[in-house]
Amino acid sequence: MNEKKLFLIDAYSLIYRSYYAFINNPMYNSKGFNTSTIFGFLIFIDELLKNQRPTHIAVAFDSEKPTFRHEIYPNYKSNRLITPEEIRKSVPIIKEILKEMNINIVEFNGYEADDIIGTMAKQAVEKKFIVFMVTPDKDYCQLVDKNIFIYKPKKSDNGPEILGINEVKEKFSIDHPEQVIEILALWGDSSDNIPGVPGIGEKTAKKLISDYKSVENLLENIDKLSPKIQNVLSENENTLLLSKKLATINKSVPIDFNEDKLKIKNYNEQKLKEIFNELNFKSLIKRFFQTTSIDESIDVTYKQGDLFEQNISKVANIEYNNYNDINSIKHNY
């Protein structure tokens, strides 16, 4: 009962997830503002709080300014489309709502959410927390450790996927989760425009790291490889080492870990209700505050809850499976 359970949420991964869940059936308030992204994000947060009962929580946002990765590789994430206007307009409102929910928002200039979460996760386990990183992104697998897990939100009727050390080792055919960095260095990451080595895909990258453990050891034993692999590695050695730097999550962001700020607290009910009313989220007032006096017949969001659950299963590029509920996971100290 005294276990400290911290959930660290990658904000934009869930914001985009909510946006695409409603892409074909957007929701609007009475003023014509697209509220879909905000609604989907809040449904997830509410379910997480009620079902998983964290003792502590934080939501991490990417820096709005270029990061250290852009400094060493200007093309980092240059392949990404401009942020949709609906998301751009929704983010300040989401932040305002999180503030009134007394959920700590963490952002740090020059760093991405994964760097913030990686740093906070490391700091948290030192303070005897069990940590769940809420994200669908595979690069977080490198952070998984004895008391650090990935929590992938549920898809459709499936439960959340929980990845611990054994799951990551099996998924990538490696000895330790940190070797995910080595695989991404070879394989690259198209979502972040990390180049990797041309011609080396996921299967080959896993096999090479399974055999040689790191890209540095791979290069030292290059003469043992097939002529084709030798040539491609020799021609792209600098790109390979650069890709490893880009793929490595920084766990030393200068963040002051304040345990008290992360504690679950009561909502600022009046302010939150005002925002929900402005957005026409009457069903969320009922959901968040257990109100029974709301006229659901006039609430456009009431029937959208089920629609969100249906649509979320259609979000592309995310894989989910049923794993043990996090409540069965205990400290491993």
Protein backbone atom coordinates (compact mmCIF):
# COMPACT_ATOMS: atom_id res chain seq x y z
CA MET A 1 0.00 0.00 0.00
CA ASN A 2 2.99 2.29 0.55
CA GLU A 3 4.47 1.65 -2.88
CA LYS A 4 5.31 4.81 -4.82
CA LYS A 5 4.14 4.45 -8.41
CA LEU A 6 5.12 7.19 -10.87
CA PHE A 7 3.63 7.57 -14.35
CA LEU A 8 5.63 9.72 -16.78
CA ILE A 9 3.55 10.62 -19.84
CA ASP A 10 5.00 11.48 -23.23
CA ALA A 11 2.54 14.27 -24.02
CA TYR A 12 2.82 14.54 -27.78
CA SER A 13 2.65 10.81 -28.43
CA LEU A 14 -0.76 10.76 -26.73
CA ILE A 15 -1.85 14.06 -28.23
CA TYR A 16 -1.19 12.79 -31.76
CA ARG A 17 -2.83 9.48 -30.89
CA SER A 18 -5.99 11.32 -29.84
CA TYR A 19 -5.90 13.56 -32.90
CA TYR A 20 -5.76 10.64 -35.34
CA ALA A 21 -8.37 8.67 -33.43
CA PHE A 22 -10.90 11.34 -34.41
CA ILE A 23 -9.48 12.31 -37.79
CA ASN A 24 -12.58 11.08 -39.65
CA ASN A 25 -15.12 12.05 -36.98
CA PRO A 26 -13.94 15.32 -35.42
CA MET A 27 -15.77 16.91 -32.50
CA TYR A 28 -16.57 20.62 -32.23
CA ASN A 29 -17.90 22.84 -29.49
CA SER A 30 -20.64 25.43 -30.01
CA LYS A 31 -18.09 27.97 -31.26
CA GLY A 32 -16.80 25.67 -33.98
CA PHE A 33 -13.54 24.81 -32.23
CA ASN A 34 -12.22 21.29 -32.87
CA THR A 35 -12.11 19.67 -29.43
CA SER A 36 -11.30 16.10 -30.50
CA THR A 37 -7.65 16.05 -29.45
CA ILE A 38 -8.36 17.52 -26.04
CA PHE A 39 -11.25 15.15 -25.41
CA GLY A 40 -9.30 12.03 -26.37
CA PHE A 41 -6.31 13.08 -24.26
CA LEU A 42 -8.51 13.66 -21.21
CA ILE A 43 -10.34 10.35 -21.60
CA PHE A 44 -6.98 8.61 -21.49
CA ILE A 45 -5.75 10.57 -18.46
CA ASP A 46 -8.99 9.89 -16.58
CA GLU A 47 -8.84 6.15 -17.30
CA LEU A 48 -5.18 5.99 -16.29
CA LEU A 49 -5.83 7.72 -12.97
CA LYS A 50 -8.86 5.60 -12.13
CA ASN A 51 -7.63 2.21 -13.34
CA GLN A 52 -3.93 2.31 -12.46
CA ARG A 53 -4.06 4.61 -9.42
CA PRO A 54 -0.60 6.16 -9.60
CA THR A 55 0.69 7.90 -6.50
CA HIS A 56 2.66 10.37 -8.61
CA ILE A 57 2.39 11.64 -12.17
CA ALA A 58 3.98 14.07 -14.64
CA VAL A 59 3.43 15.00 -18.27
CA ALA A 60 6.53 15.78 -20.35
CA PHE A 61 6.47 18.03 -23.40
CA ASP A 62 9.12 18.44 -26.09
CA SER A 63 11.13 21.64 -26.15
CA GLU A 64 9.77 24.26 -28.55
CA LYS A 65 13.36 25.24 -29.35
CA PRO A 66 15.91 23.14 -31.27
CA THR A 67 17.56 20.39 -29.24
CA PHE A 68 21.16 19.26 -28.95
CA ARG A 69 20.35 16.67 -31.64
CA HIS A 70 19.53 19.41 -34.12
CA GLU A 71 22.91 20.97 -33.34
CA ILE A 72 24.84 17.85 -34.33
CA TYR A 73 22.48 16.90 -37.17
CA PRO A 74 20.42 19.75 -38.69
CA ASN A 75 18.23 17.25 -40.59
CA TYR A 76 17.00 15.64 -37.36
CA LYS A 77 13.21 15.27 -37.66
CA SER A 78 13.28 17.39 -40.82
CA ASN A 79 11.03 14.84 -42.55
CA ARG A 80 8.10 15.55 -40.24
CA LEU A 81 5.06 17.42 -41.45
CA ILE A 82 4.06 20.72 -39.90
CA THR A 83 2.06 20.23 -36.70
CA PRO A 84 -1.65 20.19 -37.58
CA GLU A 85 -3.42 23.40 -36.63
CA GLU A 86 -5.89 21.51 -34.44
CA ILE A 87 -3.03 20.17 -32.33
CA ARG A 88 -1.25 23.50 -32.20
CA LYS A 89 -4.39 25.17 -30.87
CA SER A 90 -5.19 22.33 -28.49
CA VAL A 91 -1.86 22.11 -26.68
CA PRO A 92 -2.22 25.36 -24.65
CA ILE A 93 -5.68 24.24 -23.52
CA ILE A 94 -4.38 20.79 -22.58
CA LYS A 95 -1.66 22.45 -20.51
CA GLU A 96 -4.21 24.70 -18.84
CA ILE A 97 -6.38 21.69 -17.98
CA LEU A 98 -3.40 19.76 -16.59
CA LYS A 99 -2.59 22.76 -14.43
CA GLU A 100 -6.12 22.80 -12.98
CA MET A 101 -5.87 19.03 -12.46
CA ASN A 102 -2.70 19.73 -10.44
CA ILE A 103 -0.72 17.43 -12.71
CA ASN A 104 2.88 18.50 -13.04
CA ILE A 105 4.00 19.62 -16.52
CA VAL A 106 7.69 19.21 -17.28
CA GLU A 107 9.52 20.78 -20.23
CA PHE A 108 13.11 21.91 -20.63
CA ASN A 109 14.60 23.97 -23.45
CA GLY A 110 16.90 21.98 -25.70
CA TYR A 111 15.58 18.57 -24.70
CA GLU A 112 12.84 16.25 -25.86
CA ALA A 113 10.21 14.53 -23.74
CA ASP A 114 12.13 11.23 -23.91
CA ASP A 115 15.23 12.91 -22.42
CA ILE A 116 13.12 14.41 -19.64
CA ILE A 117 11.37 11.12 -18.94
CA GLY A 118 14.63 9.18 -19.08
CA THR A 119 16.22 11.53 -16.55
CA MET A 120 13.21 11.56 -14.24
CA ALA A 121 12.84 7.78 -14.41
CA LYS A 122 16.47 7.34 -13.37
CA GLN A 123 16.07 9.84 -10.53
CA ALA A 124 12.81 8.23 -9.41
CA VAL A 125 14.16 4.68 -9.01
CA GLU A 126 16.93 6.09 -6.84
CA LYS A 127 14.12 7.30 -4.57
CA LYS A 128 12.50 3.85 -4.53
CA PHE A 129 9.74 4.50 -7.10
CA ILE A 130 8.40 2.03 -9.60
CA VAL A 131 8.15 3.95 -12.88
CA PHE A 132 5.92 3.59 -15.93
CA MET A 133 6.76 5.54 -19.08
CA VAL A 134 3.53 6.10 -20.99
CA THR A 135 4.36 6.04 -24.70
CA PRO A 136 4.10 3.86 -27.82
CA ASP A 137 7.59 4.86 -29.05
CA LYS A 138 10.14 2.07 -29.43
CA ASP A 139 13.15 4.27 -28.59
CA TYR A 140 12.02 4.32 -24.94
CA CYS A 141 12.84 0.60 -24.76
CA GLN A 142 16.48 1.55 -24.09
CA LEU A 143 15.38 3.06 -20.74
CA VAL A 144 13.67 -0.05 -19.40
CA ASP A 145 15.35 -1.30 -16.27
CA LYS A 146 14.75 -3.17 -13.02
CA ASN A 147 11.95 -0.83 -11.88
CA ILE A 148 11.30 1.12 -15.08
CA PHE A 149 8.63 -0.11 -17.48
CA ILE A 150 6.98 1.05 -20.69
CA TYR A 151 3.21 1.39 -20.48
CA LYS A 152 1.64 1.33 -23.95
CA PRO A 153 -2.00 2.51 -23.92
CA LYS A 154 -4.60 -0.06 -24.80
CA LYS A 155 -5.75 -0.62 -28.33
CA SER A 156 -9.44 -1.35 -28.86
CA ASP A 157 -10.55 -4.03 -26.38
CA ASN A 158 -7.03 -5.12 -25.50
CA GLY A 159 -5.42 -4.09 -22.25
CA PRO A 160 -2.26 -1.99 -21.97
CA GLU A 161 1.04 -3.52 -23.02
CA ILE A 162 3.66 -3.48 -20.28
CA LEU A 163 7.28 -3.91 -21.34
CA GLY A 164 9.87 -4.85 -18.76
CA ILE A 165 13.42 -6.07 -19.19
CA ASN A 166 12.50 -9.55 -20.40
CA GLU A 167 9.94 -8.28 -22.92
CA VAL A 168 12.45 -5.83 -24.44
CA LYS A 169 15.20 -8.45 -24.57
CA GLU A 170 12.87 -10.84 -26.37
CA LYS A 171 11.48 -8.19 -28.70
CA PHE A 172 14.93 -7.10 -29.91
CA SER A 173 16.95 -10.32 -29.40
CA ILE A 174 19.40 -8.55 -27.10
CA ASP A 175 21.07 -9.07 -23.71
CA HIS A 176 20.02 -5.76 -22.16
CA PRO A 177 17.57 -2.97 -23.08
CA GLU A 178 20.37 -0.41 -23.55
CA GLN A 179 21.38 -2.33 -26.68
CA VAL A 180 18.27 -0.94 -28.36
CA ILE A 181 20.49 2.10 -28.98
CA GLU A 182 22.88 -0.06 -31.01
CA ILE A 183 20.04 -1.49 -33.09
CA LEU A 184 18.58 1.95 -33.81
CA ALA A 185 22.05 3.21 -34.78
CA LEU A 186 22.23 0.53 -37.49
CA TRP A 187 18.56 0.42 -38.44
CA GLY A 188 17.88 4.13 -38.18
CA ASP A 189 14.55 5.64 -37.23
CA SER A 190 12.44 7.08 -40.05
CA SER A 191 10.09 8.88 -37.66
CA ASP A 192 12.98 10.98 -36.31
CA ASN A 193 14.97 11.00 -39.55
CA ILE A 194 17.88 9.17 -37.93
CA PRO A 195 19.76 7.85 -40.99
CA GLY A 196 21.24 4.58 -39.75
CA VAL A 197 23.18 2.52 -42.27
CA PRO A 198 21.72 2.20 -45.80
CA GLY A 199 20.66 -1.32 -46.60
CA ILE A 200 20.55 -2.52 -42.99
CA GLY A 201 17.02 -3.12 -41.78
CA GLU A 202 15.52 -4.30 -38.53
CA LYS A 203 16.28 -8.00 -38.96
CA THR A 204 19.93 -7.50 -39.92
CA ALA A 205 20.48 -4.91 -37.19
CA LYS A 206 19.12 -7.27 -34.52
CA LYS A 207 21.29 -10.13 -35.79
CA LEU A 208 24.47 -8.01 -35.85
CA ILE A 209 23.95 -6.64 -32.34
CA SER A 210 22.96 -10.07 -31.04
CA ASP A 211 26.33 -11.32 -32.32
CA TYR A 212 28.59 -8.31 -31.66
CA LYS A 213 26.76 -6.45 -28.82
CA SER A 214 27.69 -2.88 -29.90
CA VAL A 215 28.42 -0.90 -33.05
CA GLU A 216 31.95 -0.19 -31.84
CA ASN A 217 32.68 -3.91 -31.43
CA LEU A 218 31.03 -4.53 -34.77
CA LEU A 219 33.41 -2.09 -36.46
CA GLU A 220 36.40 -3.66 -34.68
CA ASN A 221 35.42 -7.05 -36.11
CA ILE A 222 34.41 -5.83 -39.53
CA ASP A 223 36.73 -8.30 -41.26
CA LYS A 224 34.57 -11.16 -39.94
CA LEU A 225 31.47 -9.92 -41.75
CA SER A 226 30.24 -10.63 -45.25
CA PRO A 227 31.80 -8.46 -48.00
CA LYS A 228 28.47 -6.68 -48.51
CA ILE A 229 28.13 -5.71 -44.85
CA GLN A 230 31.82 -4.79 -44.68
CA ASN A 231 31.45 -2.36 -47.56
CA VAL A 232 28.30 -0.68 -46.30
CA LEU A 233 29.72 -0.24 -42.79
CA SER A 234 33.06 1.07 -44.06
CA GLU A 235 31.32 3.61 -46.28
CA ASN A 236 28.96 4.77 -43.54
CA GLU A 237 31.00 4.55 -40.34
CA ASN A 238 30.62 8.24 -39.48
CA THR A 239 26.88 8.11 -40.16
CA LEU A 240 26.58 5.04 -37.95
CA LEU A 241 28.31 6.70 -35.01
CA LEU A 242 26.28 9.87 -35.52
CA SER A 243 23.07 7.81 -35.57
CA LYS A 244 24.03 6.25 -32.25
CA LYS A 245 24.38 9.70 -30.68
CA LEU A 246 21.02 10.75 -32.09
CA ALA A 247 19.30 7.58 -30.87
CA THR A 248 20.69 7.80 -27.35
CA ILE A 249 18.25 9.26 -24.83
CA ASN A 250 19.93 11.75 -22.52
CA LYS A 251 19.45 10.77 -18.87
CA SER A 252 21.24 13.82 -17.47
CA VAL A 253 18.83 16.68 -18.16
CA PRO A 254 19.37 19.27 -15.38
CA ILE A 255 15.98 18.69 -13.74
CA ASP A 256 15.34 19.05 -10.03
CA PHE A 257 13.30 15.97 -9.10
CA ASN A 258 10.68 17.23 -6.64
CA GLU A 259 8.70 14.31 -5.29
CA ASP A 260 6.03 16.51 -3.70
CA LYS A 261 5.23 18.28 -6.99
CA LEU A 262 4.51 14.93 -8.60
CA LYS A 263 2.01 13.70 -6.01
CA ILE A 264 -1.59 13.10 -7.09
CA LYS A 265 -3.66 16.00 -5.79
CA ASN A 266 -7.26 17.14 -5.86
CA TYR A 267 -8.49 19.03 -8.90
CA ASN A 268 -9.34 22.72 -8.93
CA GLU A 269 -12.94 21.76 -9.52
CA GLN A 270 -14.47 25.15 -10.24
CA LYS A 271 -11.81 26.16 -12.79
CA LEU A 272 -11.89 22.76 -14.45
CA LYS A 273 -15.67 22.83 -14.80
CA GLU A 274 -15.45 26.30 -16.39
CA ILE A 275 -13.03 24.99 -19.03
CA PHE A 276 -15.11 21.88 -19.68
CA ASN A 277 -18.24 24.00 -20.09
CA GLU A 278 -16.44 26.23 -22.57
CA LEU A 279 -15.51 23.13 -24.56
CA ASN A 280 -19.00 21.63 -24.21
CA PHE A 281 -17.52 18.67 -22.30
CA LYS A 282 -20.55 18.09 -20.12
CA SER A 283 -20.01 14.34 -20.07
CA LEU A 284 -16.49 14.90 -18.77
CA ILE A 285 -17.88 16.95 -15.91
CA LYS A 286 -19.98 13.92 -15.04
CA ARG A 287 -17.03 11.58 -15.58
CA PHE A 288 -14.49 13.61 -13.60
CA PHE A 289 -16.75 14.73 -10.76
CA GLN A 290 -19.36 11.94 -10.62
CA THR A 291 -22.14 14.46 -11.30
CA THR A 292 -25.58 13.04 -12.05
CA SER A 293 -27.43 16.26 -12.83
CA ILE A 294 -26.01 16.79 -16.32
CA ASP A 295 -28.47 16.61 -19.21
CA GLU A 296 -26.61 14.13 -21.40
CA SER A 297 -29.04 14.60 -24.29
CA ILE A 298 -27.53 18.00 -25.07
CA ASP A 299 -23.94 16.95 -24.66
CA VAL A 300 -22.21 16.36 -27.98
CA THR A 301 -19.34 14.60 -26.20
CA TYR A 302 -21.45 12.03 -24.40
CA LYS A 303 -21.67 9.58 -27.29
CA GLN A 304 -18.12 10.38 -28.37
CA GLY A 305 -16.58 8.39 -25.54
CA ASP A 306 -17.47 5.10 -27.19
CA LEU A 307 -16.44 6.51 -30.55
CA PHE A 308 -13.02 7.31 -29.14
CA GLU A 309 -12.58 3.72 -28.00
CA GLN A 310 -13.56 2.50 -31.49
CA ASN A 311 -11.37 4.96 -33.34
CA ILE A 312 -8.29 4.49 -31.21
CA SER A 313 -7.90 0.96 -32.56
CA LYS A 314 -7.40 2.45 -36.01
CA VAL A 315 -4.42 4.63 -35.12
CA ALA A 316 -1.54 3.62 -37.38
CA ASN A 317 1.96 2.44 -36.49
CA ILE A 318 1.22 1.33 -32.92
CA GLU A 319 1.27 -2.29 -31.78
CA TYR A 320 -0.44 -3.43 -28.60
CA ASN A 321 -0.78 -6.76 -26.85
CA ASN A 322 -2.27 -7.99 -23.61
CA TYR A 323 0.27 -8.10 -20.79
CA ASN A 324 -0.09 -8.38 -17.03
CA ASP A 325 -1.75 -5.42 -15.39
CA ILE A 326 0.76 -3.09 -13.79
CA ASN A 327 -0.77 -3.63 -10.38
CA SER A 328 0.81 -7.10 -10.37
CA ILE A 329 4.30 -5.62 -10.86
CA LYS A 330 6.27 -5.12 -7.67
CA HIS A 331 9.59 -3.55 -6.78
CA ASN A 332 12.68 -5.48 -7.73
CA TYR A 333 15.11 -4.00 -5.23
